[in-house]
Amino acid sequence: MATLRTIKTIIPGIEQAEGVGATVRRSIGNMKMRNFTPFLLFDHFSSNGVGGFPEHPHLGQETITLLTKGAFAHEDFTGSKGVLREGDLQFMTAGRGTVHSEMPVIHPDGSPNIGLQLWVDLPEKLKEVEPRYRDLKTWEIPVAETPDGKVKVKVISGKSYGVELLKELAYTPVQYYHYTMKPGSHFSQEVPKGFNFFLYVLQGKNLILQKDSKVNKFENVFFNPDGDTIVGEYPESEKEDLEFVLIGGEILNQKVVQHGPFVATSRERIQQAFADYQFARNGFERMRTWKTLISGGVTEEMINNELGGSDEAREKQRQEYLAKVANVKDEL
């Protein structure tokens, strides 16, 4: 028999300036929720100017970025670079050290670029892995739907309503669901033991969780790891669709020592990281020769050339993926 998880706390995303000209609503990584193992930070970010997140280092964690509106360019000192567009995800493993940039694409109408960034702690035994980048395009994400068509779930990782995607997001196991609900609908999501889960509302109000707790836009609900199901109801009286993400990660029983973008399990490792970054050594050697492309701003020329992010290139990627999927189905 299903047992409902109890709610630990509900925290509003606190808006603050971050990077250069960007704003974020932070609900993990602040004074109210310093961390929520394995999660170290959760930001709902927005930027509509040239400012974003110019070149900066990371160590000891992974980041998962979901773009919900607009476009963002990214690069790092391993040579990885590209453009994320609406519905795309990017997974960056910092490991023993990386330096990267994340900068908004400027739109003629001045519209903002909006998304979610999640920092995931690395298990101690994997803290020193080599950095890596991976993308998940929106067309690669399967969508589950309830029989009445009122609830749709983008299954980024995990299983919902019979639809499953086992694609690895991070070295630490993570489940990630992007829900859209119409008024007069309800959902039920099974969650595994040993995982912490939170639910962040992107759009809408008056979502009733676990039968008795009401949450609204920009609020983050943190659950205790004591049940196997999360349920919600969205009243018929509401006028707009409700949108939220439900994210869980395997609980890591390890010490977290964090200073800015560096995460370790001891203060000595943090001190070493700052020295290594300063002197471009022990994982940061590529800083000596790497020149950032996008930190000063993203141009159309960059998008169409070095970043390989033109509309034509994107459509080619999509067609190649669909052809590959069709071939696999034919073989079956």
C-alpha atoms as a PDB file:
ATOM      1  CA  MET A   1       0.000   0.000   0.000  1.00  0.00           C
ATOM      2  CA  ALA A   2       1.313   3.456  -0.936  1.00  0.00           C
ATOM      3  CA  THR A   3       2.514   5.687   1.892  1.00  0.00           C
ATOM      4  CA  LEU A   4       2.704   9.457   1.484  1.00  0.00           C
ATOM      5  CA  ARG A   5       5.922  11.293   2.218  1.00  0.00           C
ATOM      6  CA  THR A   6       5.576  13.948   4.888  1.00  0.00           C
ATOM      7  CA  ILE A   7       6.593  17.531   4.166  1.00  0.00           C
ATOM      8  CA  LYS A   8       9.742  18.760   5.886  1.00  0.00           C
ATOM      9  CA  THR A   9       9.376  22.462   5.048  1.00  0.00           C
ATOM     10  CA  ILE A  10       8.198  24.894   2.368  1.00  0.00           C
ATOM     11  CA  ILE A  11      10.583  27.698   1.371  1.00  0.00           C
ATOM     12  CA  PRO A  12       9.986  30.544  -1.107  1.00  0.00           C
ATOM     13  CA  GLY A  13      12.671  31.155  -3.717  1.00  0.00           C
ATOM     14  CA  ILE A  14      14.422  34.352  -2.568  1.00  0.00           C
ATOM     15  CA  GLU A  15      15.290  36.658  -5.469  1.00  0.00           C
ATOM     16  CA  GLN A  16      18.852  37.979  -5.561  1.00  0.00           C
ATOM     17  CA  ALA A  17      21.462  39.237  -8.003  1.00  0.00           C
ATOM     18  CA  GLU A  18      23.951  36.663  -9.286  1.00  0.00           C
ATOM     19  CA  GLY A  19      26.692  36.605 -11.899  1.00  0.00           C
ATOM     20  CA  VAL A  20      26.772  39.756 -14.038  1.00  0.00           C
ATOM     21  CA  GLY A  21      23.314  41.235 -14.583  1.00  0.00           C
ATOM     22  CA  ALA A  22      21.403  38.039 -13.863  1.00  0.00           C
ATOM     23  CA  THR A  23      18.859  37.400 -11.119  1.00  0.00           C
ATOM     24  CA  VAL A  24      18.040  34.112  -9.401  1.00  0.00           C
ATOM     25  CA  ARG A  25      15.400  32.807  -7.018  1.00  0.00           C
ATOM     26  CA  ARG A  26      17.420  30.556  -4.722  1.00  0.00           C
ATOM     27  CA  SER A  27      15.741  27.923  -2.580  1.00  0.00           C
ATOM     28  CA  ILE A  28      18.717  25.630  -1.895  1.00  0.00           C
ATOM     29  CA  GLY A  29      22.058  27.160  -0.977  1.00  0.00           C
ATOM     30  CA  ASN A  30      20.739  29.955   1.225  1.00  0.00           C
ATOM     31  CA  MET A  31      20.420  30.464   4.982  1.00  0.00           C
ATOM     32  CA  LYS A  32      17.045  28.680   5.155  1.00  0.00           C
ATOM     33  CA  MET A  33      18.219  25.556   3.299  1.00  0.00           C
ATOM     34  CA  ARG A  34      22.006  25.402   3.165  1.00  0.00           C
ATOM     35  CA  ASN A  35      21.943  22.054   1.369  1.00  0.00           C
ATOM     36  CA  PHE A  36      19.583  19.109   0.924  1.00  0.00           C
ATOM     37  CA  THR A  37      21.781  16.124   0.208  1.00  0.00           C
ATOM     38  CA  PRO A  38      22.800  15.453  -2.502  1.00  0.00           C
ATOM     39  CA  PHE A  39      21.716  18.922  -3.649  1.00  0.00           C
ATOM     40  CA  LEU A  40      23.899  21.937  -2.916  1.00  0.00           C
ATOM     41  CA  LEU A  41      22.122  24.715  -4.792  1.00  0.00           C
ATOM     42  CA  PHE A  42      18.903  25.270  -6.728  1.00  0.00           C
ATOM     43  CA  ASP A  43      18.377  28.490  -8.695  1.00  0.00           C
ATOM     44  CA  HIS A  44      15.516  29.712 -10.876  1.00  0.00           C
ATOM     45  CA  PHE A  45      17.508  32.153 -13.014  1.00  0.00           C
ATOM     46  CA  SER A  46      16.673  34.920 -15.481  1.00  0.00           C
ATOM     47  CA  SER A  47      18.797  37.146 -17.706  1.00  0.00           C
ATOM     48  CA  ASN A  48      17.806  39.315 -20.679  1.00  0.00           C
ATOM     49  CA  GLY A  49      20.947  41.363 -21.212  1.00  0.00           C
ATOM     50  CA  VAL A  50      24.583  40.668 -22.033  1.00  0.00           C
ATOM     51  CA  GLY A  51      25.221  39.778 -18.405  1.00  0.00           C
ATOM     52  CA  GLY A  52      25.150  36.172 -17.308  1.00  0.00           C
ATOM     53  CA  PHE A  53      27.762  33.945 -15.742  1.00  0.00           C
ATOM     54  CA  PRO A  54      31.191  34.736 -17.280  1.00  0.00           C
ATOM     55  CA  GLU A  55      34.128  32.357 -16.881  1.00  0.00           C
ATOM     56  CA  HIS A  56      34.328  30.883 -13.369  1.00  0.00           C
ATOM     57  CA  PRO A  57      35.643  27.681 -11.769  1.00  0.00           C
ATOM     58  CA  HIS A  58      33.947  24.655 -10.206  1.00  0.00           C
ATOM     59  CA  LEU A  59      35.250  21.636  -8.309  1.00  0.00           C
ATOM     60  CA  GLY A  60      33.739  18.609  -6.603  1.00  0.00           C
ATOM     61  CA  GLN A  61      30.160  18.809  -7.910  1.00  0.00           C
ATOM     62  CA  GLU A  62      27.938  18.494 -10.978  1.00  0.00           C
ATOM     63  CA  THR A  63      25.431  20.953 -12.418  1.00  0.00           C
ATOM     64  CA  ILE A  64      22.148  20.204 -14.200  1.00  0.00           C
ATOM     65  CA  THR A  65      20.653  23.094 -16.170  1.00  0.00           C
ATOM     66  CA  LEU A  66      17.142  23.104 -17.683  1.00  0.00           C
ATOM     67  CA  LEU A  67      16.299  26.006 -19.976  1.00  0.00           C
ATOM     68  CA  THR A  68      12.586  26.845 -19.837  1.00  0.00           C
ATOM     69  CA  LYS A  69      12.621  29.935 -22.080  1.00  0.00           C
ATOM     70  CA  GLY A  70      15.023  31.538 -24.546  1.00  0.00           C
ATOM     71  CA  ALA A  71      18.593  30.437 -25.252  1.00  0.00           C
ATOM     72  CA  PHE A  72      21.911  30.257 -23.381  1.00  0.00           C
ATOM     73  CA  ALA A  73      25.404  29.622 -24.693  1.00  0.00           C
ATOM     74  CA  HIS A  74      27.979  27.630 -22.765  1.00  0.00           C
ATOM     75  CA  GLU A  75      31.662  26.725 -23.004  1.00  0.00           C
ATOM     76  CA  ASP A  76      34.414  25.293 -20.835  1.00  0.00           C
ATOM     77  CA  PHE A  77      38.169  24.916 -20.932  1.00  0.00           C
ATOM     78  CA  THR A  78      37.986  21.303 -22.163  1.00  0.00           C
ATOM     79  CA  GLY A  79      36.756  22.657 -25.519  1.00  0.00           C
ATOM     80  CA  SER A  80      33.082  21.803 -25.023  1.00  0.00           C
ATOM     81  CA  LYS A  81      30.673  24.494 -26.200  1.00  0.00           C
ATOM     82  CA  GLY A  82      27.194  24.935 -27.607  1.00  0.00           C
ATOM     83  CA  VAL A  83      23.787  26.565 -27.280  1.00  0.00           C
ATOM     84  CA  LEU A  84      20.881  25.457 -25.095  1.00  0.00           C
ATOM     85  CA  ARG A  85      17.371  26.338 -26.245  1.00  0.00           C
ATOM     86  CA  GLU A  86      13.945  26.022 -24.676  1.00  0.00           C
ATOM     87  CA  GLY A  87      13.402  22.557 -23.212  1.00  0.00           C
ATOM     88  CA  ASP A  88      17.064  21.493 -23.446  1.00  0.00           C
ATOM     89  CA  LEU A  89      19.210  20.285 -20.564  1.00  0.00           C
ATOM     90  CA  GLN A  90      22.927  20.370 -19.929  1.00  0.00           C
ATOM     91  CA  PHE A  91      24.922  18.258 -17.483  1.00  0.00           C
ATOM     92  CA  MET A  92      28.350  19.445 -16.374  1.00  0.00           C
ATOM     93  CA  THR A  93      30.666  17.392 -14.172  1.00  0.00           C
ATOM     94  CA  ALA A  94      33.281  19.599 -12.530  1.00  0.00           C
ATOM     95  CA  GLY A  95      35.164  16.740 -10.883  1.00  0.00           C
ATOM     96  CA  ARG A  96      38.758  17.656 -10.102  1.00  0.00           C
ATOM     97  CA  GLY A  97      38.298  21.095 -11.635  1.00  0.00           C
ATOM     98  CA  THR A  98      36.834  22.982 -14.557  1.00  0.00           C
ATOM     99  CA  VAL A  99      36.342  26.565 -15.717  1.00  0.00           C
ATOM    100  CA  HIS A 100      33.290  27.459 -17.791  1.00  0.00           C
ATOM    101  CA  SER A 101      31.003  30.277 -18.943  1.00  0.00           C
ATOM    102  CA  GLU A 102      27.224  30.433 -19.311  1.00  0.00           C
ATOM    103  CA  MET A 103      25.946  33.490 -21.160  1.00  0.00           C
ATOM    104  CA  PRO A 104      22.492  34.506 -22.439  1.00  0.00           C
ATOM    105  CA  VAL A 105      21.576  34.925 -26.093  1.00  0.00           C
ATOM    106  CA  ILE A 106      20.120  38.393 -26.663  1.00  0.00           C
ATOM    107  CA  HIS A 107      16.721  38.436 -28.377  1.00  0.00           C
ATOM    108  CA  PRO A 108      15.567  41.364 -30.570  1.00  0.00           C
ATOM    109  CA  ASP A 109      12.361  41.719 -28.544  1.00  0.00           C
ATOM    110  CA  GLY A 110      14.278  41.903 -25.257  1.00  0.00           C
ATOM    111  CA  SER A 111      12.638  38.756 -23.882  1.00  0.00           C
ATOM    112  CA  PRO A 112      14.419  37.037 -20.994  1.00  0.00           C
ATOM    113  CA  ASN A 113      16.265  33.736 -20.890  1.00  0.00           C
ATOM    114  CA  ILE A 114      14.927  31.663 -18.015  1.00  0.00           C
ATOM    115  CA  GLY A 115      15.882  28.327 -16.546  1.00  0.00           C
ATOM    116  CA  LEU A 116      16.735  26.166 -13.559  1.00  0.00           C
ATOM    117  CA  GLN A 117      20.183  25.229 -12.332  1.00  0.00           C
ATOM    118  CA  LEU A 118      20.794  22.459  -9.830  1.00  0.00           C
ATOM    119  CA  TRP A 119      24.109  21.637  -8.160  1.00  0.00           C
ATOM    120  CA  VAL A 120      24.547  17.964  -7.231  1.00  0.00           C
ATOM    121  CA  ASP A 121      27.250  16.809  -4.841  1.00  0.00           C
ATOM    122  CA  LEU A 122      29.634  14.159  -6.106  1.00  0.00           C
ATOM    123  CA  PRO A 123      30.211  11.033  -4.008  1.00  0.00           C
ATOM    124  CA  GLU A 124      33.543  11.385  -2.215  1.00  0.00           C
ATOM    125  CA  LYS A 125      35.130   8.530  -4.191  1.00  0.00           C
ATOM    126  CA  LEU A 126      34.303  10.358  -7.463  1.00  0.00           C
ATOM    127  CA  LYS A 127      35.293  13.898  -6.471  1.00  0.00           C
ATOM    128  CA  GLU A 128      38.475  13.744  -8.574  1.00  0.00           C
ATOM    129  CA  VAL A 129      37.009  12.484 -11.880  1.00  0.00           C
ATOM    130  CA  GLU A 130      37.787  14.291 -15.121  1.00  0.00           C
ATOM    131  CA  PRO A 131      35.345  17.083 -16.083  1.00  0.00           C
ATOM    132  CA  ARG A 132      32.713  16.322 -18.735  1.00  0.00           C
ATOM    133  CA  TYR A 133      29.757  17.931 -20.531  1.00  0.00           C
ATOM    134  CA  ARG A 134      26.612  16.297 -21.917  1.00  0.00           C
ATOM    135  CA  ASP A 135      23.429  17.701 -23.436  1.00  0.00           C
ATOM    136  CA  LEU A 136      19.886  16.335 -23.555  1.00  0.00           C
ATOM    137  CA  LYS A 137      17.807  17.984 -26.274  1.00  0.00           C
ATOM    138  CA  THR A 138      14.110  18.557 -25.770  1.00  0.00           C
ATOM    139  CA  TRP A 139      13.172  16.024 -28.477  1.00  0.00           C
ATOM    140  CA  GLU A 140      15.097  13.298 -26.603  1.00  0.00           C
ATOM    141  CA  ILE A 141      12.855  13.617 -23.529  1.00  0.00           C
ATOM    142  CA  PRO A 142       9.834  11.272 -23.450  1.00  0.00           C
ATOM    143  CA  VAL A 143       6.481  12.653 -22.270  1.00  0.00           C
ATOM    144  CA  ALA A 144       4.045  10.710 -20.079  1.00  0.00           C
ATOM    145  CA  GLU A 145       0.344  11.581 -19.918  1.00  0.00           C
ATOM    146  CA  THR A 146      -2.543  10.606 -17.664  1.00  0.00           C
ATOM    147  CA  PRO A 147      -5.510   8.841 -19.322  1.00  0.00           C
ATOM    148  CA  ASP A 148      -7.661  11.989 -19.129  1.00  0.00           C
ATOM    149  CA  GLY A 149      -4.942  14.089 -20.786  1.00  0.00           C
ATOM    150  CA  LYS A 150      -4.915  16.643 -17.972  1.00  0.00           C
ATOM    151  CA  VAL A 151      -1.413  15.888 -16.673  1.00  0.00           C
ATOM    152  CA  LYS A 152       1.745  15.704 -18.779  1.00  0.00           C
ATOM    153  CA  VAL A 153       5.169  14.767 -17.467  1.00  0.00           C
ATOM    154  CA  LYS A 154       8.500  15.239 -19.197  1.00  0.00           C
ATOM    155  CA  VAL A 155      10.471  12.286 -17.857  1.00  0.00           C
ATOM    156  CA  ILE A 156      14.007  13.659 -17.820  1.00  0.00           C
ATOM    157  CA  SER A 157      15.162  10.792 -15.631  1.00  0.00           C
ATOM    158  CA  GLY A 158      13.117   8.167 -13.800  1.00  0.00           C
ATOM    159  CA  LYS A 159       9.682   6.640 -14.412  1.00  0.00           C
ATOM    160  CA  SER A 160       6.230   8.214 -14.435  1.00  0.00           C
ATOM    161  CA  TYR A 161       2.889   6.831 -15.669  1.00  0.00           C
ATOM    162  CA  GLY A 162       4.599   3.952 -17.428  1.00  0.00           C
ATOM    163  CA  VAL A 163       7.166   6.087 -19.271  1.00  0.00           C
ATOM    164  CA  GLU A 164      10.787   5.571 -18.286  1.00  0.00           C
ATOM    165  CA  LEU A 165      14.092   7.226 -19.146  1.00  0.00           C
ATOM    166  CA  LEU A 166      17.194   5.740 -17.588  1.00  0.00           C
ATOM    167  CA  LYS A 167      19.664   8.188 -19.113  1.00  0.00           C
ATOM    168  CA  GLU A 168      22.370   9.006 -16.597  1.00  0.00           C
ATOM    169  CA  LEU A 169      22.240  12.648 -15.533  1.00  0.00           C
ATOM    170  CA  ALA A 170      24.943  12.653 -12.893  1.00  0.00           C
ATOM    171  CA  TYR A 171      27.304  10.279 -11.098  1.00  0.00           C
ATOM    172  CA  THR A 172      24.971  10.665  -8.125  1.00  0.00           C
ATOM    173  CA  PRO A 173      21.646   9.004  -9.105  1.00  0.00           C
ATOM    174  CA  VAL A 174      19.005  11.692  -9.810  1.00  0.00           C
ATOM    175  CA  GLN A 175      15.329  11.547 -10.845  1.00  0.00           C
ATOM    176  CA  TYR A 176      13.908  14.616 -12.605  1.00  0.00           C
ATOM    177  CA  TYR A 177      10.297  15.240 -13.684  1.00  0.00           C
ATOM    178  CA  HIS A 178       8.776  18.342 -15.317  1.00  0.00           C
ATOM    179  CA  TYR A 179       5.007  18.384 -14.746  1.00  0.00           C
ATOM    180  CA  THR A 180       2.211  20.417 -16.377  1.00  0.00           C
ATOM    181  CA  MET A 181      -1.300  20.147 -14.877  1.00  0.00           C
ATOM    182  CA  LYS A 182      -4.623  21.466 -16.106  1.00  0.00           C
ATOM    183  CA  PRO A 183      -7.290  22.677 -13.652  1.00  0.00           C
ATOM    184  CA  GLY A 184      -9.292  19.805 -12.183  1.00  0.00           C
ATOM    185  CA  SER A 185      -6.435  17.288 -12.325  1.00  0.00           C
ATOM    186  CA  HIS A 186      -4.372  15.247  -9.902  1.00  0.00           C
ATOM    187  CA  PHE A 187      -1.077  13.345  -9.974  1.00  0.00           C
ATOM    188  CA  SER A 188       0.625  10.521  -8.122  1.00  0.00           C
ATOM    189  CA  GLN A 189       4.363   9.913  -8.348  1.00  0.00           C
ATOM    190  CA  GLU A 190       6.209   6.961  -6.829  1.00  0.00           C
ATOM    191  CA  VAL A 191       9.611   7.853  -5.364  1.00  0.00           C
ATOM    192  CA  PRO A 192      12.422   5.499  -4.293  1.00  0.00           C
ATOM    193  CA  LYS A 193      13.673   4.962  -0.766  1.00  0.00           C
ATOM    194  CA  GLY A 194      17.014   6.525   0.064  1.00  0.00           C
ATOM    195  CA  PHE A 195      16.325   9.579  -2.121  1.00  0.00           C
ATOM    196  CA  ASN A 196      15.602  13.147  -1.013  1.00  0.00           C
ATOM    197  CA  PHE A 197      12.902  14.882  -3.105  1.00  0.00           C
ATOM    198  CA  PHE A 198      11.755  18.464  -3.547  1.00  0.00           C
ATOM    199  CA  LEU A 199       9.017  20.095  -5.657  1.00  0.00           C
ATOM    200  CA  TYR A 200       9.355  23.645  -7.035  1.00  0.00           C
ATOM    201  CA  VAL A 201       6.374  25.487  -8.546  1.00  0.00           C
ATOM    202  CA  LEU A 202       7.226  27.380 -11.732  1.00  0.00           C
ATOM    203  CA  GLN A 203       3.727  28.594 -12.619  1.00  0.00           C
ATOM    204  CA  GLY A 204       0.321  28.640 -10.938  1.00  0.00           C
ATOM    205  CA  LYS A 205      -1.064  28.586  -7.402  1.00  0.00           C
ATOM    206  CA  ASN A 206      -3.113  26.501  -4.978  1.00  0.00           C
ATOM    207  CA  LEU A 207      -1.544  23.126  -5.695  1.00  0.00           C
ATOM    208  CA  ILE A 208      -2.601  20.828  -2.838  1.00  0.00           C
ATOM    209  CA  LEU A 209       0.144  18.359  -1.914  1.00  0.00           C
ATOM    210  CA  GLN A 210      -0.130  15.242   0.248  1.00  0.00           C
ATOM    211  CA  LYS A 211      -3.862  16.060   0.648  1.00  0.00           C
ATOM    212  CA  ASP A 212      -3.426  18.983   3.055  1.00  0.00           C
ATOM    213  CA  SER A 213      -0.628  21.424   2.098  1.00  0.00           C
ATOM    214  CA  LYS A 214      -1.194  24.295  -0.347  1.00  0.00           C
ATOM    215  CA  VAL A 215       1.726  25.682  -2.378  1.00  0.00           C
ATOM    216  CA  ASN A 216       2.111  28.490  -4.899  1.00  0.00           C
ATOM    217  CA  LYS A 217       4.408  29.874  -7.584  1.00  0.00           C
ATOM    218  CA  PHE A 218       8.112  30.135  -6.638  1.00  0.00           C
ATOM    219  CA  GLU A 219       7.701  27.974  -3.516  1.00  0.00           C
ATOM    220  CA  ASN A 220       9.895  24.925  -2.948  1.00  0.00           C
ATOM    221  CA  VAL A 221       8.517  21.964  -1.012  1.00  0.00           C
ATOM    222  CA  PHE A 222      11.033  19.679   0.703  1.00  0.00           C
ATOM    223  CA  PHE A 223       9.905  16.171   1.627  1.00  0.00           C
ATOM    224  CA  ASN A 224      11.129  13.864   4.364  1.00  0.00           C
ATOM    225  CA  PRO A 225      12.502  10.502   3.090  1.00  0.00           C
ATOM    226  CA  ASP A 226       9.792   8.546   4.899  1.00  0.00           C
ATOM    227  CA  GLY A 227       7.266   7.417   2.276  1.00  0.00           C
ATOM    228  CA  ASP A 228       7.103   6.131  -1.284  1.00  0.00           C
ATOM    229  CA  THR A 229       4.548   8.450  -2.936  1.00  0.00           C
ATOM    230  CA  ILE A 230       3.962  12.148  -3.633  1.00  0.00           C
ATOM    231  CA  VAL A 231       0.451  13.214  -4.676  1.00  0.00           C
ATOM    232  CA  GLY A 232      -1.164  16.491  -5.655  1.00  0.00           C
ATOM    233  CA  GLU A 233      -4.498  18.016  -6.691  1.00  0.00           C
ATOM    234  CA  TYR A 234      -5.039  21.135  -8.786  1.00  0.00           C
ATOM    235  CA  PRO A 235      -8.493  22.726  -8.262  1.00  0.00           C
ATOM    236  CA  GLU A 236     -11.018  22.978 -11.091  1.00  0.00           C
ATOM    237  CA  SER A 237     -11.563  26.630 -10.133  1.00  0.00           C
ATOM    238  CA  GLU A 238      -8.099  27.701 -11.343  1.00  0.00           C
ATOM    239  CA  LYS A 239      -7.817  29.445 -14.730  1.00  0.00           C
ATOM    240  CA  GLU A 240      -4.297  28.578 -15.921  1.00  0.00           C
ATOM    241  CA  ASP A 241      -2.112  25.511 -16.217  1.00  0.00           C
ATOM    242  CA  LEU A 242       0.155  24.722 -13.296  1.00  0.00           C
ATOM    243  CA  GLU A 243       3.800  23.823 -13.873  1.00  0.00           C
ATOM    244  CA  PHE A 244       6.391  22.380 -11.502  1.00  0.00           C
ATOM    245  CA  VAL A 245       9.510  20.249 -11.319  1.00  0.00           C
ATOM    246  CA  LEU A 246       9.863  17.280  -8.989  1.00  0.00           C
ATOM    247  CA  ILE A 247      13.481  16.324  -8.382  1.00  0.00           C
ATOM    248  CA  GLY A 248      15.108  13.656  -6.238  1.00  0.00           C
ATOM    249  CA  GLY A 249      18.629  12.451  -5.574  1.00  0.00           C
ATOM    250  CA  GLU A 250      20.286   9.629  -3.681  1.00  0.00           C
ATOM    251  CA  ILE A 251      21.162  10.681  -0.142  1.00  0.00           C
ATOM    252  CA  LEU A 252      24.927  10.956   0.394  1.00  0.00           C
ATOM    253  CA  ASN A 253      26.154  10.328   3.915  1.00  0.00           C
ATOM    254  CA  GLN A 254      29.236  12.497   3.692  1.00  0.00           C
ATOM    255  CA  LYS A 255      30.519  15.807   4.977  1.00  0.00           C
ATOM    256  CA  VAL A 256      29.928  18.890   2.812  1.00  0.00           C
ATOM    257  CA  VAL A 257      32.533  21.643   2.911  1.00  0.00           C
ATOM    258  CA  GLN A 258      31.689  24.368   0.404  1.00  0.00           C
ATOM    259  CA  HIS A 259      33.300  27.676  -0.405  1.00  0.00           C
ATOM    260  CA  GLY A 260      31.723  29.395  -3.386  1.00  0.00           C
ATOM    261  CA  PRO A 261      32.002  27.110  -6.429  1.00  0.00           C
ATOM    262  CA  PHE A 262      34.301  24.584  -4.723  1.00  0.00           C
ATOM    263  CA  VAL A 263      32.836  21.578  -2.872  1.00  0.00           C
ATOM    264  CA  ALA A 264      34.809  18.982  -0.919  1.00  0.00           C
ATOM    265  CA  THR A 265      34.620  16.853   2.213  1.00  0.00           C
ATOM    266  CA  SER A 266      37.453  18.663   4.047  1.00  0.00           C
ATOM    267  CA  ARG A 267      38.621  22.238   4.515  1.00  0.00           C
ATOM    268  CA  GLU A 268      42.129  21.223   3.455  1.00  0.00           C
ATOM    269  CA  ARG A 269      40.844  20.183   0.011  1.00  0.00           C
ATOM    270  CA  ILE A 270      39.099  23.547  -0.387  1.00  0.00           C
ATOM    271  CA  GLN A 271      42.308  25.393   0.471  1.00  0.00           C
ATOM    272  CA  GLN A 272      44.203  23.272  -2.032  1.00  0.00           C
ATOM    273  CA  ALA A 273      41.577  24.007  -4.700  1.00  0.00           C
ATOM    274  CA  PHE A 274      41.998  27.761  -4.328  1.00  0.00           C
ATOM    275  CA  ALA A 275      45.767  27.448  -4.616  1.00  0.00           C
ATOM    276  CA  ASP A 276      45.482  25.112  -7.626  1.00  0.00           C
ATOM    277  CA  TYR A 277      43.091  27.504  -9.361  1.00  0.00           C
ATOM    278  CA  GLN A 278      45.347  30.476  -8.655  1.00  0.00           C
ATOM    279  CA  PHE A 279      48.431  28.732 -10.046  1.00  0.00           C
ATOM    280  CA  ALA A 280      46.644  26.760 -12.845  1.00  0.00           C
ATOM    281  CA  ARG A 281      47.719  23.313 -11.665  1.00  0.00           C
ATOM    282  CA  ASN A 282      46.299  19.936 -10.518  1.00  0.00           C
ATOM    283  CA  GLY A 283      43.292  19.967 -12.824  1.00  0.00           C
ATOM    284  CA  PHE A 284      43.304  23.648 -13.767  1.00  0.00           C
ATOM    285  CA  GLU A 285      46.300  23.478 -16.156  1.00  0.00           C
ATOM    286  CA  ARG A 286      44.150  24.239 -19.209  1.00  0.00           C
ATOM    287  CA  MET A 287      43.588  27.761 -17.895  1.00  0.00           C
ATOM    288  CA  ARG A 288      47.080  28.605 -19.146  1.00  0.00           C
ATOM    289  CA  THR A 289      46.084  28.315 -22.807  1.00  0.00           C
ATOM    290  CA  TRP A 290      42.274  28.583 -22.833  1.00  0.00           C
ATOM    291  CA  LYS A 291      40.682  31.800 -24.072  1.00  0.00           C
ATOM    292  CA  THR A 292      37.007  32.331 -23.360  1.00  0.00           C
ATOM    293  CA  LEU A 293      34.800  32.984 -26.375  1.00  0.00           C
ATOM    294  CA  ILE A 294      31.499  34.063 -24.849  1.00  0.00           C
ATOM    295  CA  SER A 295      32.227  35.737 -21.491  1.00  0.00           C
ATOM    296  CA  GLY A 296      32.018  39.188 -23.075  1.00  0.00           C
ATOM    297  CA  GLY A 297      28.666  38.441 -24.705  1.00  0.00           C
ATOM    298  CA  VAL A 298      27.186  36.119 -27.317  1.00  0.00           C
ATOM    299  CA  THR A 299      26.864  37.226 -30.950  1.00  0.00           C
ATOM    300  CA  GLU A 300      24.889  35.757 -33.834  1.00  0.00           C
ATOM    301  CA  GLU A 301      28.163  35.021 -35.592  1.00  0.00           C
ATOM    302  CA  MET A 302      29.345  32.932 -32.629  1.00  0.00           C
ATOM    303  CA  ILE A 303      26.053  31.011 -32.556  1.00  0.00           C
ATOM    304  CA  ASN A 304      26.190  30.197 -36.273  1.00  0.00           C
ATOM    305  CA  ASN A 305      29.883  29.296 -36.327  1.00  0.00           C
ATOM    306  CA  GLU A 306      32.019  28.351 -33.327  1.00  0.00           C
ATOM    307  CA  LEU A 307      29.069  27.371 -31.116  1.00  0.00           C
ATOM    308  CA  GLY A 308      27.314  25.310 -33.805  1.00  0.00           C
ATOM    309  CA  GLY A 309      23.964  26.522 -32.525  1.00  0.00           C
ATOM    310  CA  SER A 310      22.174  27.809 -35.628  1.00  0.00           C
ATOM    311  CA  ASP A 311      18.572  26.862 -36.331  1.00  0.00           C
ATOM    312  CA  GLU A 312      19.767  24.809 -39.300  1.00  0.00           C
ATOM    313  CA  ALA A 313      22.294  22.876 -37.208  1.00  0.00           C
ATOM    314  CA  ARG A 314      19.683  22.238 -34.536  1.00  0.00           C
ATOM    315  CA  GLU A 315      17.152  20.927 -37.050  1.00  0.00           C
ATOM    316  CA  LYS A 316      19.796  18.619 -38.508  1.00  0.00           C
ATOM    317  CA  GLN A 317      20.466  17.226 -35.016  1.00  0.00           C
ATOM    318  CA  ARG A 318      16.766  16.657 -34.473  1.00  0.00           C
ATOM    319  CA  GLN A 319      16.298  14.861 -37.808  1.00  0.00           C
ATOM    320  CA  GLU A 320      19.334  12.658 -37.171  1.00  0.00           C
ATOM    321  CA  TYR A 321      17.971  11.700 -33.750  1.00  0.00           C
ATOM    322  CA  LEU A 322      14.500  10.894 -35.119  1.00  0.00           C
ATOM    323  CA  ALA A 323      16.035   8.789 -37.906  1.00  0.00           C
ATOM    324  CA  LYS A 324      18.116   6.879 -35.354  1.00  0.00           C
ATOM    325  CA  VAL A 325      15.041   6.184 -33.213  1.00  0.00           C
ATOM    326  CA  ALA A 326      13.095   5.026 -36.289  1.00  0.00           C
ATOM    327  CA  ASN A 327      15.913   2.631 -37.242  1.00  0.00           C
ATOM    328  CA  VAL A 328      15.937   1.124 -33.763  1.00  0.00           C
ATOM    329  CA  LYS A 329      12.145   0.570 -33.924  1.00  0.00           C
ATOM    330  CA  ASP A 330      12.492  -1.073 -37.332  1.00  0.00           C
ATOM    331  CA  GLU A 331      15.143  -3.455 -36.001  1.00  0.00           C
ATOM    332  CA  LEU A 332      12.829  -4.460 -33.168  1.00  0.00           C
END
